PDB file of N, CA and C in Angstrom:
ATOM      1  N   UNK A   1       7.081-201.526 -59.828  1.00  0.00           N
ATOM      2  CA  UNK A   1       5.994-200.583 -59.828  1.00  0.00           C
ATOM      3  C   UNK A   1       6.121-199.678 -58.599  1.00  0.00           C
ATOM      4  N   UNK A   2       5.842-198.419 -58.762  1.00  0.00           N
ATOM      5  CA  UNK A   2       5.959-197.438 -57.683  1.00  0.00           C
ATOM      6  C   UNK A   2       4.750-197.518 -56.762  1.00  0.00           C
ATOM      7  N   UNK A   3       4.964-197.086 -55.534  1.00  0.00           N
ATOM      8  CA  UNK A   3       3.883-197.087 -54.549  1.00  0.00           C
ATOM      9  C   UNK A   3       2.966-195.889 -54.797  1.00  0.00           C
ATOM     10  N   UNK A   4       1.679-196.106 -54.716  1.00  0.00           N
ATOM     11  CA  UNK A   4       0.707-195.036 -54.913  1.00  0.00           C
ATOM     12  C   UNK A   4       0.636-194.209 -53.633  1.00  0.00           C
ATOM     13  N   UNK A   5       0.755-192.893 -53.799  1.00  0.00           N
ATOM     14  CA  UNK A   5       0.775-191.991 -52.652  1.00  0.00           C
ATOM     15  C   UNK A   5      -0.337-190.962 -52.817  1.00  0.00           C
ATOM     16  N   UNK A   6      -1.119-190.784 -51.777  1.00  0.00           N
ATOM     17  CA  UNK A   6      -2.142-189.745 -51.769  1.00  0.00           C
ATOM     18  C   UNK A   6      -1.425-188.428 -51.477  1.00  0.00           C
ATOM     19  N   UNK A   7      -1.390-187.538 -52.457  1.00  0.00           N
ATOM     20  CA  UNK A   7      -0.624-186.297 -52.326  1.00  0.00           C
ATOM     21  C   UNK A   7      -1.158-185.400 -51.216  1.00  0.00           C
ATOM     22  N   UNK A   8      -2.458-185.384 -51.012  1.00  0.00           N
ATOM     23  CA  UNK A   8      -3.048-184.568 -49.948  1.00  0.00           C
ATOM     24  C   UNK A   8      -2.540-185.039 -48.588  1.00  0.00           C
ATOM     25  N   UNK A   9      -2.556-186.351 -48.383  1.00  0.00           N
ATOM     26  CA  UNK A   9      -2.073-186.891 -47.099  1.00  0.00           C
ATOM     27  C   UNK A   9      -0.583-186.653 -46.925  1.00  0.00           C
ATOM     28  N   UNK A  10       0.171-186.817 -47.997  1.00  0.00           N
ATOM     29  CA  UNK A  10       1.617-186.601 -47.918  1.00  0.00           C
ATOM     30  C   UNK A  10       1.915-185.144 -47.578  1.00  0.00           C
ATOM     31  N   UNK A  11       1.189-184.222 -48.194  1.00  0.00           N
ATOM     32  CA  UNK A  11       1.387-182.803 -47.932  1.00  0.00           C
ATOM     33  C   UNK A  11       1.043-182.477 -46.477  1.00  0.00           C
ATOM     34  N   UNK A  12      -0.077-182.998 -45.990  1.00  0.00           N
ATOM     35  CA  UNK A  12      -0.475-182.746 -44.602  1.00  0.00           C
ATOM     36  C   UNK A  12       0.529-183.352 -43.624  1.00  0.00           C
ATOM     37  N   UNK A  13       1.040-184.543 -43.937  1.00  0.00           N
ATOM     38  CA  UNK A  13       2.024-185.182 -43.062  1.00  0.00           C
ATOM     39  C   UNK A  13       3.300-184.349 -43.005  1.00  0.00           C
ATOM     40  N   UNK A  14       3.726-183.821 -44.157  1.00  0.00           N
ATOM     41  CA  UNK A  14       4.931-183.007 -44.216  1.00  0.00           C
ATOM     42  C   UNK A  14       4.746-181.732 -43.387  1.00  0.00           C
ATOM     43  N   UNK A  15       3.570-181.113 -43.475  1.00  0.00           N
ATOM     44  CA  UNK A  15       3.288-179.902 -42.696  1.00  0.00           C
ATOM     45  C   UNK A  15       3.276-180.225 -41.205  1.00  0.00           C
ATOM     46  N   UNK A  16       2.639-181.334 -40.815  1.00  0.00           N
ATOM     47  CA  UNK A  16       2.599-181.730 -39.397  1.00  0.00           C
ATOM     48  C   UNK A  16       4.000-181.965 -38.856  1.00  0.00           C
ATOM     49  N   UNK A  17       4.849-182.641 -39.636  1.00  0.00           N
ATOM     50  CA  UNK A  17       6.217-182.908 -39.183  1.00  0.00           C
ATOM     51  C   UNK A  17       6.990-181.605 -39.010  1.00  0.00           C
ATOM     52  N   UNK A  18       6.808-180.672 -39.942  1.00  0.00           N
ATOM     53  CA  UNK A  18       7.488-179.384 -39.860  1.00  0.00           C
ATOM     54  C   UNK A  18       7.009-178.609 -38.629  1.00  0.00           C
ATOM     55  N   UNK A  19       5.706-178.603 -38.383  1.00  0.00           N
ATOM     56  CA  UNK A  19       5.162-177.896 -37.218  1.00  0.00           C
ATOM     57  C   UNK A  19       5.608-178.541 -35.915  1.00  0.00           C
ATOM     58  N   UNK A  20       5.688-179.868 -35.884  1.00  0.00           N
ATOM     59  CA  UNK A  20       6.143-180.564 -34.676  1.00  0.00           C
ATOM     60  C   UNK A  20       7.605-180.234 -34.385  1.00  0.00           C
ATOM     61  N   UNK A  21       8.428-180.169 -35.423  1.00  0.00           N
ATOM     62  CA  UNK A  21       9.833-179.809 -35.235  1.00  0.00           C
ATOM     63  C   UNK A  21       9.949-178.383 -34.702  1.00  0.00           C
ATOM     64  N   UNK A  22       9.132-177.487 -35.231  1.00  0.00           N
ATOM     65  CA  UNK A  22       9.137-176.103 -34.767  1.00  0.00           C
ATOM     66  C   UNK A  22       8.673-176.021 -33.313  1.00  0.00           C
ATOM     67  N   UNK A  23       7.637-176.773 -32.970  1.00  0.00           N
ATOM     68  CA  UNK A  23       7.123-176.780 -31.594  1.00  0.00           C
ATOM     69  C   UNK A  23       8.171-177.329 -30.632  1.00  0.00           C
ATOM     70  N   UNK A  24       8.878-178.370 -31.044  1.00  0.00           N
ATOM     71  CA  UNK A  24       9.916-178.948 -30.188  1.00  0.00           C
ATOM     72  C   UNK A  24      11.030-177.934 -29.942  1.00  0.00           C
ATOM     73  N   UNK A  25      11.412-177.204 -30.979  1.00  0.00           N
ATOM     74  CA  UNK A  25      12.448-176.186 -30.823  1.00  0.00           C
ATOM     75  C   UNK A  25      11.971-175.084 -29.884  1.00  0.00           C
ATOM     76  N   UNK A  26      10.705-174.683 -30.008  1.00  0.00           N
ATOM     77  CA  UNK A  26      10.158-173.651 -29.122  1.00  0.00           C
ATOM     78  C   UNK A  26      10.092-174.129 -27.682  1.00  0.00           C
ATOM     79  N   UNK A  27       9.741-175.403 -27.475  1.00  0.00           N
ATOM     80  CA  UNK A  27       9.700-175.934 -26.108  1.00  0.00           C
ATOM     81  C   UNK A  27      11.081-175.885 -25.478  1.00  0.00           C
ATOM     82  N   UNK A  28      12.104-176.212 -26.261  1.00  0.00           N
ATOM     83  CA  UNK A  28      13.463-176.163 -25.724  1.00  0.00           C
ATOM     84  C   UNK A  28      13.893-174.726 -25.428  1.00  0.00           C
ATOM     85  N   UNK A  29      13.524-173.811 -26.307  1.00  0.00           N
ATOM     86  CA  UNK A  29      13.974-172.432 -26.162  1.00  0.00           C
ATOM     87  C   UNK A  29      13.206-171.676 -25.084  1.00  0.00           C
ATOM     88  N   UNK A  30      11.912-171.914 -24.969  1.00  0.00           N
ATOM     89  CA  UNK A  30      11.078-171.076 -24.111  1.00  0.00           C
ATOM     90  C   UNK A  30      10.418-171.808 -22.954  1.00  0.00           C
ATOM     91  N   UNK A  31      10.369-173.088 -23.009  1.00  0.00           N
ATOM     92  CA  UNK A  31       9.612-173.831 -22.015  1.00  0.00           C
ATOM     93  C   UNK A  31      10.385-174.092 -20.742  1.00  0.00           C
ATOM     94  N   UNK A  32       9.651-174.495 -19.745  1.00  0.00           N
ATOM     95  CA  UNK A  32      10.236-174.902 -18.474  1.00  0.00           C
ATOM     96  C   UNK A  32      10.031-176.405 -18.373  1.00  0.00           C
ATOM     97  N   UNK A  33      11.082-177.108 -18.007  1.00  0.00           N
ATOM     98  CA  UNK A  33      10.971-178.558 -17.941  1.00  0.00           C
ATOM     99  C   UNK A  33      10.007-178.965 -16.833  1.00  0.00           C
ATOM    100  N   UNK A  34       9.484-180.150 -16.948  1.00  0.00           N
ATOM    101  CA  UNK A  34       8.514-180.642 -15.969  1.00  0.00           C
ATOM    102  C   UNK A  34       9.139-180.700 -14.581  1.00  0.00           C
ATOM    103  N   UNK A  35      10.399-181.128 -14.490  1.00  0.00           N
ATOM    104  CA  UNK A  35      11.044-181.215 -13.177  1.00  0.00           C
ATOM    105  C   UNK A  35      11.243-179.828 -12.576  1.00  0.00           C
ATOM    106  N   UNK A  36      11.569-178.836 -13.406  1.00  0.00           N
ATOM    107  CA  UNK A  36      11.739-177.475 -12.893  1.00  0.00           C
ATOM    108  C   UNK A  36      10.411-176.927 -12.384  1.00  0.00           C
ATOM    109  N   UNK A  37       9.317-177.201 -13.120  1.00  0.00           N
ATOM    110  CA  UNK A  37       7.989-176.757 -12.663  1.00  0.00           C
ATOM    111  C   UNK A  37       7.630-177.424 -11.353  1.00  0.00           C
ATOM    112  N   UNK A  38       7.903-178.728 -11.255  1.00  0.00           N
ATOM    113  CA  UNK A  38       7.572-179.469 -10.043  1.00  0.00           C
ATOM    114  C   UNK A  38       8.395-178.951  -8.867  1.00  0.00           C
ATOM    115  N   UNK A  39       9.686-178.664  -9.095  1.00  0.00           N
ATOM    116  CA  UNK A  39      10.534-178.138  -8.029  1.00  0.00           C
ATOM    117  C   UNK A  39      10.058-176.758  -7.568  1.00  0.00           C
ATOM    118  N   UNK A  40       9.668-175.917  -8.516  1.00  0.00           N
ATOM    119  CA  UNK A  40       9.180-174.581  -8.169  1.00  0.00           C
ATOM    120  C   UNK A  40       7.890-174.675  -7.365  1.00  0.00           C
ATOM    121  N   UNK A  41       7.005-175.579  -7.760  1.00  0.00           N
ATOM    122  CA  UNK A  41       5.740-175.764  -7.033  1.00  0.00           C
ATOM    123  C   UNK A  41       6.011-176.266  -5.611  1.00  0.00           C
ATOM    124  N   UNK A  42       6.941-177.207  -5.463  1.00  0.00           N
ATOM    125  CA  UNK A  42       7.273-177.736  -4.139  1.00  0.00           C
ATOM    126  C   UNK A  42       7.878-176.637  -3.265  1.00  0.00           C
ATOM    127  N   UNK A  43       8.741-175.813  -3.839  1.00  0.00           N
ATOM    128  CA  UNK A  43       9.352-174.718  -3.087  1.00  0.00           C
ATOM    129  C   UNK A  43       8.290-173.707  -2.650  1.00  0.00           C
ATOM    130  N   UNK A  44       7.337-173.409  -3.534  1.00  0.00           N
ATOM    131  CA  UNK A  44       6.261-172.481  -3.197  1.00  0.00           C
ATOM    132  C   UNK A  44       5.424-173.031  -2.049  1.00  0.00           C
ATOM    133  N   UNK A  45       5.122-174.334  -2.096  1.00  0.00           N
ATOM    134  CA  UNK A  45       4.342-174.952  -1.025  1.00  0.00           C
ATOM    135  C   UNK A  45       5.105-174.953   0.294  1.00  0.00           C
ATOM    136  N   UNK A  46       6.429-175.213   0.253  1.00  0.00           N
ATOM    137  CA  UNK A  46       7.244-175.183   1.471  1.00  0.00           C
ATOM    138  C   UNK A  46       7.234-173.781   2.083  1.00  0.00           C
ATOM    139  N   UNK A  47       7.390-172.775   1.242  1.00  0.00           N
ATOM    140  CA  UNK A  47       7.393-171.396   1.738  1.00  0.00           C
ATOM    141  C   UNK A  47       6.033-171.040   2.331  1.00  0.00           C
ATOM    142  N   UNK A  48       4.976-171.477   1.678  1.00  0.00           N
ATOM    143  CA  UNK A  48       3.626-171.195   2.176  1.00  0.00           C
ATOM    144  C   UNK A  48       3.403-171.847   3.543  1.00  0.00           C
ATOM    145  N   UNK A  49       3.853-173.096   3.706  1.00  0.00           N
ATOM    146  CA  UNK A  49       3.711-173.780   4.999  1.00  0.00           C
ATOM    147  C   UNK A  49       4.536-173.080   6.074  1.00  0.00           C
ATOM    148  N   UNK A  50       5.728-172.622   5.708  1.00  0.00           N
ATOM    149  CA  UNK A  50       6.584-171.935   6.668  1.00  0.00           C
ATOM    150  C   UNK A  50       5.935-170.634   7.133  1.00  0.00           C
ATOM    151  N   UNK A  51       5.384-169.895   6.193  1.00  0.00           N
ATOM    152  CA  UNK A  51       4.720-168.639   6.543  1.00  0.00           C
ATOM    153  C   UNK A  51       3.502-168.913   7.418  1.00  0.00           C
ATOM    154  N   UNK A  52       2.723-169.912   7.053  1.00  0.00           N
ATOM    155  CA  UNK A  52       1.540-170.277   7.847  1.00  0.00           C
ATOM    156  C   UNK A  52       1.950-170.674   9.259  1.00  0.00           C
ATOM    157  N   UNK A  53       3.062-171.382   9.396  1.00  0.00           N
ATOM    158  CA  UNK A  53       3.519-171.826  10.706  1.00  0.00           C
ATOM    159  C   UNK A  53       3.971-170.682  11.594  1.00  0.00           C
ATOM    160  N   UNK A  54       4.428-169.592  10.997  1.00  0.00           N
ATOM    161  CA  UNK A  54       4.905-168.454  11.770  1.00  0.00           C
ATOM    162  C   UNK A  54       3.836-167.378  11.965  1.00  0.00           C
ATOM    163  N   UNK A  55       2.696-167.577  11.382  1.00  0.00           N
ATOM    164  CA  UNK A  55       1.620-166.588  11.481  1.00  0.00           C
ATOM    165  C   UNK A  55       1.073-166.559  12.907  1.00  0.00           C
ATOM    166  N   UNK A  56       0.836-165.378  13.389  1.00  0.00           N
ATOM    167  CA  UNK A  56       0.261-165.225  14.720  1.00  0.00           C
ATOM    168  C   UNK A  56      -1.244-165.319  14.616  1.00  0.00           C
ATOM    169  N   UNK A  57      -1.823-165.981  15.581  1.00  0.00           N
ATOM    170  CA  UNK A  57      -3.279-166.086  15.609  1.00  0.00           C
ATOM    171  C   UNK A  57      -3.846-164.819  16.227  1.00  0.00           C
ATOM    172  N   UNK A  58      -4.946-164.358  15.650  1.00  0.00           N
ATOM    173  CA  UNK A  58      -5.574-163.152  16.184  1.00  0.00           C
ATOM    174  C   UNK A  58      -6.406-163.505  17.397  1.00  0.00           C
ATOM    175  N   UNK A  59      -6.295-162.670  18.400  1.00  0.00           N
ATOM    176  CA  UNK A  59      -7.092-162.832  19.613  1.00  0.00           C
ATOM    177  C   UNK A  59      -8.494-162.298  19.322  1.00  0.00           C
ATOM    178  N   UNK A  60      -9.550-163.056  19.617  1.00  0.00           N
ATOM    179  CA  UNK A  60     -10.914-162.591  19.317  1.00  0.00           C
ATOM    180  C   UNK A  60     -11.250-161.261  19.983  1.00  0.00           C
ATOM    181  N   UNK A  61     -10.638-160.958  21.138  1.00  0.00           N
ATOM    182  CA  UNK A  61     -10.946-159.700  21.827  1.00  0.00           C
ATOM    183  C   UNK A  61     -10.295-158.502  21.127  1.00  0.00           C
ATOM    184  N   UNK A  62      -9.255-158.744  20.289  1.00  0.00           N
ATOM    185  CA  UNK A  62      -8.581-157.663  19.571  1.00  0.00           C
ATOM    186  C   UNK A  62      -9.325-157.269  18.308  1.00  0.00           C
ATOM    187  N   UNK A  63     -10.147-158.128  17.801  1.00  0.00           N
ATOM    188  CA  UNK A  63     -10.799-157.875  16.509  1.00  0.00           C
ATOM    189  C   UNK A  63     -11.878-156.883  16.571  1.00  0.00           C
TER     190      UNK A  63
END
């Protein structure tokens, strides 16, 4: 005897799988990996600290 399948659920599952495959392909083509984002954020923070460290303090009498 064949297994009873709810066609609505099967159709929705097939659409979800197709959309997930498309999303995965788009992530590979257009996305930035988590490690690359983390490295970019760390580099931005290092540059910001370096700039802050070289900033001259304003003399209150000059303002």
